[in-house]
Amino acid sequence: MDVITAAKRPRVLFIIHDVYQEDNFFPMGPGYLTAALRKAECDVEVYAMDVFHYTNDQLANHLDSSQYDLICCGFLAARFKETMLGLSDAINAHKKDAWYVLGGHGPSPIPEYVLATTGADVVAIGEAELTIVELARCKVEGGNLADVKGIAWREDGGVRISERNRPVRDLDALGSPAWDLFPMERYTTCLKFPGMSQGDRAFAVLSNRGCVNRCNFCYRLEKGIRGRSIPGIIEEMRTLQERYGITYFFFIDEL
């Protein structure tokens, strides 16, 4: 993955929207995307509304006191009306000259609708580790959005959609999520599963991406299935145990 060499280091904020509950799963998508951005030498922050239940007014105050190039958020379709519309109003009113970027399973299949209803500047379509770095580079270098793969954006009264970015085939090359940017104490202590003892800490591991099935009720970000290496998975589990005291692992693979 290329390092961004522009004179200005991109500043990126990832917002983890509230889901109005206390048992919060670690946001794996933003975890990998923030890792990709940091590897490209971007300055990255995480605003965890899910575990701290920050209000949109608090977010607006944070944006007023900060300066970003990209403000990013992902969501599922079920959270659109109750969460994303009000959140988008707050972001658009206080983003200054940042690009507001949406992605994930919610926006990817319907980017035209999402752009029209949220006022976002860009929708990232599909897996976005490569796309988000290209987008950050485009923003700080004054580039052309048409040169960024895997996005939709508004232009001349319509919506343009670029060529899809290629999925990352070697998942081990991505490394692990940027756990240290997130409130790990909260994510490692809020989930309880059968068989756990009082002192156990649970955390999720992703060992593959994709699925070989074609269920008509399911939307796939990418075609096919790709797996991580077993040594890489075990090393990640070892790191989680040593760094964060994880004693209970669960896998969140699609298949």
Protein backbone atom coordinates (compact mmCIF):
# COMPACT_ATOMS: atom_id res chain seq x y z
CA MET A 1 0.00 0.00 0.00
CA ASP A 2 1.49 3.34 -1.05
CA VAL A 3 2.59 5.99 1.41
CA ILE A 4 1.10 9.45 0.85
CA THR A 5 3.97 11.85 0.15
CA ALA A 6 2.04 15.14 -0.14
CA ALA A 7 3.42 18.10 1.81
CA LYS A 8 0.32 17.97 4.01
CA ARG A 9 -0.49 14.77 5.93
CA PRO A 10 -4.18 13.99 5.52
CA ARG A 11 -6.21 14.27 8.71
CA VAL A 12 -9.02 11.72 8.87
CA LEU A 13 -11.79 11.30 11.44
CA PHE A 14 -13.70 8.02 11.69
CA ILE A 15 -17.04 8.31 13.43
CA ILE A 16 -18.47 5.12 14.97
CA HIS A 17 -22.15 5.97 15.16
CA ASP A 18 -24.23 5.12 18.22
CA VAL A 19 -26.22 1.88 18.21
CA TYR A 20 -27.96 2.70 21.50
CA GLN A 21 -26.73 -0.30 23.45
CA GLU A 22 -23.96 -1.23 25.87
CA ASP A 23 -22.86 -4.55 24.34
CA ASN A 24 -20.89 -3.12 21.43
CA PHE A 25 -18.92 -5.21 18.97
CA PHE A 26 -15.58 -3.81 17.87
CA PRO A 27 -16.13 -2.02 14.50
CA MET A 28 -13.96 -4.26 12.36
CA GLY A 29 -14.38 -2.30 9.12
CA PRO A 30 -13.16 1.01 10.55
CA GLY A 31 -10.47 -0.92 12.40
CA TYR A 32 -8.93 -2.11 9.14
CA LEU A 33 -9.50 1.19 7.34
CA THR A 34 -7.79 3.23 10.05
CA ALA A 35 -4.87 0.80 9.95
CA ALA A 36 -4.57 1.27 6.17
CA LEU A 37 -4.62 5.06 6.53
CA ARG A 38 -2.02 5.07 9.27
CA LYS A 39 0.21 2.78 7.23
CA ALA A 40 -0.03 5.41 4.47
CA GLU A 41 1.13 8.01 7.04
CA CYS A 42 -2.19 9.76 7.55
CA ASP A 43 -3.20 11.27 10.88
CA VAL A 44 -6.25 9.32 12.04
CA GLU A 45 -8.69 9.82 14.91
CA VAL A 46 -11.70 7.79 16.06
CA TYR A 47 -14.83 9.33 17.56
CA ALA A 48 -16.62 6.44 19.32
CA MET A 49 -20.22 7.53 19.68
CA ASP A 50 -21.24 3.89 20.16
CA VAL A 51 -19.55 3.33 23.52
CA PHE A 52 -19.56 6.89 24.87
CA HIS A 53 -23.00 7.85 23.50
CA TYR A 54 -21.89 11.28 22.38
CA THR A 55 -24.75 13.37 21.04
CA ASN A 56 -24.79 15.03 17.63
CA ASP A 57 -24.38 18.37 19.41
CA GLN A 58 -21.22 17.11 21.09
CA LEU A 59 -19.95 15.92 17.73
CA ALA A 60 -20.69 19.35 16.25
CA ASN A 61 -18.61 20.99 19.01
CA HIS A 62 -15.77 18.58 18.30
CA LEU A 63 -15.86 19.36 14.59
CA ASP A 64 -15.94 23.10 15.29
CA SER A 65 -12.71 22.81 17.27
CA SER A 66 -10.91 20.55 14.79
CA GLN A 67 -9.87 20.45 11.15
CA TYR A 68 -10.11 17.33 8.99
CA ASP A 69 -9.68 16.38 5.35
CA LEU A 70 -12.00 13.37 5.48
CA ILE A 71 -14.83 12.62 7.91
CA CYS A 72 -15.84 8.98 7.49
CA CYS A 73 -18.66 6.79 8.73
CA GLY A 74 -20.08 3.39 7.80
CA PHE A 75 -23.51 1.96 8.49
CA LEU A 76 -25.96 -0.84 7.85
CA ALA A 77 -29.31 -0.14 6.22
CA ALA A 78 -31.19 -0.76 9.49
CA ARG A 79 -29.50 2.25 11.12
CA PHE A 80 -30.19 4.70 8.32
CA LYS A 81 -33.32 6.53 9.43
CA GLU A 82 -32.84 6.42 13.19
CA THR A 83 -29.16 7.40 13.13
CA MET A 84 -27.61 8.52 9.88
CA LEU A 85 -29.94 11.31 8.79
CA GLY A 86 -29.51 13.40 11.93
CA LEU A 87 -25.81 12.55 12.14
CA SER A 88 -25.35 13.66 8.53
CA ASP A 89 -27.06 16.98 9.22
CA ALA A 90 -24.63 17.64 12.07
CA ILE A 91 -21.58 16.68 10.01
CA ASN A 92 -22.57 18.71 6.96
CA ALA A 93 -23.18 21.80 9.07
CA HIS A 94 -19.80 21.62 10.83
CA LYS A 95 -17.38 19.80 8.50
CA LYS A 96 -15.79 23.00 7.10
CA ASP A 97 -13.94 21.94 3.91
CA ALA A 98 -13.67 18.25 4.77
CA TRP A 99 -15.16 15.59 2.51
CA TYR A 100 -17.91 13.63 4.22
CA VAL A 101 -17.44 9.97 3.21
CA LEU A 102 -19.89 7.11 3.77
CA GLY A 103 -19.28 3.42 3.17
CA GLY A 104 -20.06 -0.14 4.15
CA HIS A 105 -22.93 -2.52 3.48
CA GLY A 106 -25.56 0.22 3.75
CA PRO A 107 -24.34 2.72 1.14
CA SER A 108 -22.52 0.37 -1.26
CA PRO A 109 -25.54 -1.01 -3.16
CA ILE A 110 -27.44 2.31 -3.33
CA PRO A 111 -24.87 5.12 -3.58
CA GLU A 112 -27.14 7.46 -5.58
CA TYR A 113 -29.85 7.36 -2.92
CA VAL A 114 -27.38 7.74 -0.07
CA LEU A 115 -25.69 10.76 -1.65
CA ALA A 116 -29.04 12.43 -2.28
CA THR A 117 -30.46 11.88 1.20
CA THR A 118 -27.40 12.42 3.41
CA GLY A 119 -25.61 15.21 1.56
CA ALA A 120 -22.39 13.21 1.76
CA ASP A 121 -19.63 14.15 -0.66
CA VAL A 122 -18.48 10.62 -1.46
CA VAL A 123 -19.69 7.03 -1.06
CA ALA A 124 -17.01 4.32 -0.96
CA ILE A 125 -18.32 1.19 -2.66
CA GLY A 126 -17.20 -2.24 -1.47
CA GLU A 127 -14.11 -3.01 0.58
CA ALA A 128 -12.25 0.26 0.92
CA GLU A 129 -8.72 -0.21 2.28
CA LEU A 130 -7.28 0.82 -1.08
CA THR A 131 -10.03 3.34 -1.87
CA ILE A 132 -9.74 5.30 1.37
CA VAL A 133 -6.01 5.89 0.89
CA GLU A 134 -6.56 7.03 -2.70
CA LEU A 135 -9.31 9.35 -1.50
CA ALA A 136 -7.15 10.91 1.22
CA ARG A 137 -4.38 11.48 -1.31
CA CYS A 138 -6.85 13.05 -3.76
CA LYS A 139 -8.11 15.46 -1.11
CA VAL A 140 -4.75 16.84 0.06
CA GLU A 141 -3.22 16.93 -3.43
CA GLY A 142 -6.21 18.63 -5.06
CA GLY A 143 -6.73 15.69 -7.38
CA ASN A 144 -9.66 14.59 -9.50
CA LEU A 145 -12.25 12.31 -7.91
CA ALA A 146 -12.63 10.58 -11.27
CA ASP A 147 -9.16 9.11 -10.72
CA VAL A 148 -10.20 7.40 -7.46
CA LYS A 149 -11.49 3.86 -7.88
CA GLY A 150 -14.46 2.50 -5.98
CA ILE A 151 -16.43 5.66 -5.25
CA ALA A 152 -19.61 7.54 -6.13
CA TRP A 153 -19.87 11.32 -5.96
CA ARG A 154 -22.10 14.17 -7.09
CA GLU A 155 -21.03 16.17 -10.13
CA ASP A 156 -22.87 18.56 -12.50
CA GLY A 157 -26.25 17.80 -10.98
CA GLY A 158 -25.84 14.03 -11.25
CA VAL A 159 -23.96 11.14 -9.69
CA ARG A 160 -20.80 9.62 -11.14
CA ILE A 161 -19.52 6.17 -10.19
CA SER A 162 -15.92 5.16 -10.85
CA GLU A 163 -14.52 1.75 -11.67
CA ARG A 164 -14.55 -0.63 -8.69
CA ASN A 165 -11.32 -1.07 -6.80
CA ARG A 166 -9.84 -4.54 -6.75
CA PRO A 167 -10.39 -6.59 -3.57
CA VAL A 168 -7.27 -7.22 -1.52
CA ARG A 169 -6.32 -10.83 -2.25
CA ASP A 170 -3.58 -11.18 0.36
CA LEU A 171 -5.45 -10.39 3.57
CA ASP A 172 -2.30 -10.95 5.63
CA ALA A 173 -0.77 -7.93 3.90
CA LEU A 174 -3.37 -5.71 5.57
CA GLY A 175 -2.04 -6.49 9.03
CA SER A 176 -4.32 -6.18 12.05
CA PRO A 177 -6.90 -3.49 12.82
CA ALA A 178 -5.61 -0.33 14.52
CA TRP A 179 -6.94 -1.42 17.90
CA ASP A 180 -5.02 1.25 19.81
CA LEU A 181 -7.05 4.04 18.18
CA PHE A 182 -10.23 2.66 19.77
CA PRO A 183 -11.45 2.48 23.40
CA MET A 184 -10.42 -1.15 23.78
CA GLU A 185 -11.24 -1.31 27.50
CA ARG A 186 -14.88 -0.84 26.56
CA TYR A 187 -14.92 -3.23 23.62
CA THR A 188 -13.15 -6.03 25.53
CA THR A 189 -15.36 -5.99 28.63
CA CYS A 190 -18.91 -5.38 27.38
CA LEU A 191 -19.68 -8.75 25.74
CA LYS A 192 -20.58 -11.95 27.61
CA PHE A 193 -20.98 -15.38 26.00
CA PRO A 194 -21.93 -18.83 27.34
CA GLY A 195 -19.00 -20.49 29.08
CA MET A 196 -17.20 -17.28 29.96
CA SER A 197 -15.98 -16.78 33.50
CA GLN A 198 -16.34 -13.52 35.40
CA GLY A 199 -12.85 -12.30 34.48
CA ASP A 200 -12.82 -13.33 30.83
CA ARG A 201 -12.51 -10.73 28.11
CA ALA A 202 -14.08 -11.43 24.70
CA PHE A 203 -13.01 -10.08 21.35
CA ALA A 204 -13.69 -10.77 17.68
CA VAL A 205 -11.30 -12.15 15.06
CA LEU A 206 -11.88 -12.17 11.30
CA SER A 207 -10.26 -15.14 9.55
CA ASN A 208 -11.71 -14.70 6.04
CA ARG A 209 -13.76 -12.39 3.86
CA GLY A 210 -16.58 -13.29 1.55
CA CYS A 211 -18.79 -16.29 1.02
CA VAL A 212 -19.34 -18.96 -1.63
CA ASN A 213 -23.12 -19.05 -1.20
CA ARG A 214 -25.63 -16.92 -3.12
CA CYS A 215 -28.50 -16.34 -0.68
CA ASN A 216 -31.05 -13.94 -2.16
CA PHE A 217 -31.48 -12.05 1.13
CA CYS A 218 -27.78 -11.21 1.48
CA TYR A 219 -25.70 -8.41 -0.02
CA ARG A 220 -22.01 -9.17 -0.70
CA LEU A 221 -19.44 -6.38 -0.74
CA GLU A 222 -17.20 -8.47 -3.01
CA LYS A 223 -17.43 -11.74 -4.94
CA GLY A 224 -15.69 -14.92 -3.86
CA ILE A 225 -13.98 -15.84 -0.64
CA ARG A 226 -10.47 -15.06 0.64
CA GLY A 227 -8.79 -16.44 3.73
CA ARG A 228 -6.03 -15.32 6.05
CA SER A 229 -3.16 -17.63 6.88
CA ILE A 230 -3.48 -19.75 10.02
CA PRO A 231 -0.13 -18.52 11.42
CA GLY A 232 -1.28 -14.92 10.92
CA ILE A 233 -4.55 -15.57 12.75
CA ILE A 234 -2.79 -17.28 15.66
CA GLU A 235 -0.27 -14.46 15.94
CA GLU A 236 -3.08 -11.91 16.04
CA MET A 237 -4.81 -13.88 18.81
CA ARG A 238 -1.55 -14.03 20.74
CA THR A 239 -1.11 -10.26 20.41
CA LEU A 240 -4.67 -9.62 21.58
CA GLN A 241 -4.11 -11.86 24.59
CA GLU A 242 -0.82 -10.24 25.55
CA ARG A 243 -1.80 -6.63 24.87
CA TYR A 244 -5.44 -6.55 25.94
CA GLY A 245 -5.90 -9.66 28.09
CA ILE A 246 -8.31 -11.38 25.69
CA THR A 247 -9.20 -14.88 26.88
CA TYR A 248 -12.33 -15.59 24.82
CA PHE A 249 -12.17 -15.34 21.03
CA PHE A 250 -15.09 -15.50 18.64
CA PHE A 251 -14.99 -15.44 14.84
CA ILE A 252 -17.20 -13.07 12.86
CA ASP A 253 -16.53 -14.45 9.39
CA GLU A 254 -19.35 -14.21 6.88
CA LEU A 255 -18.78 -17.90 6.17
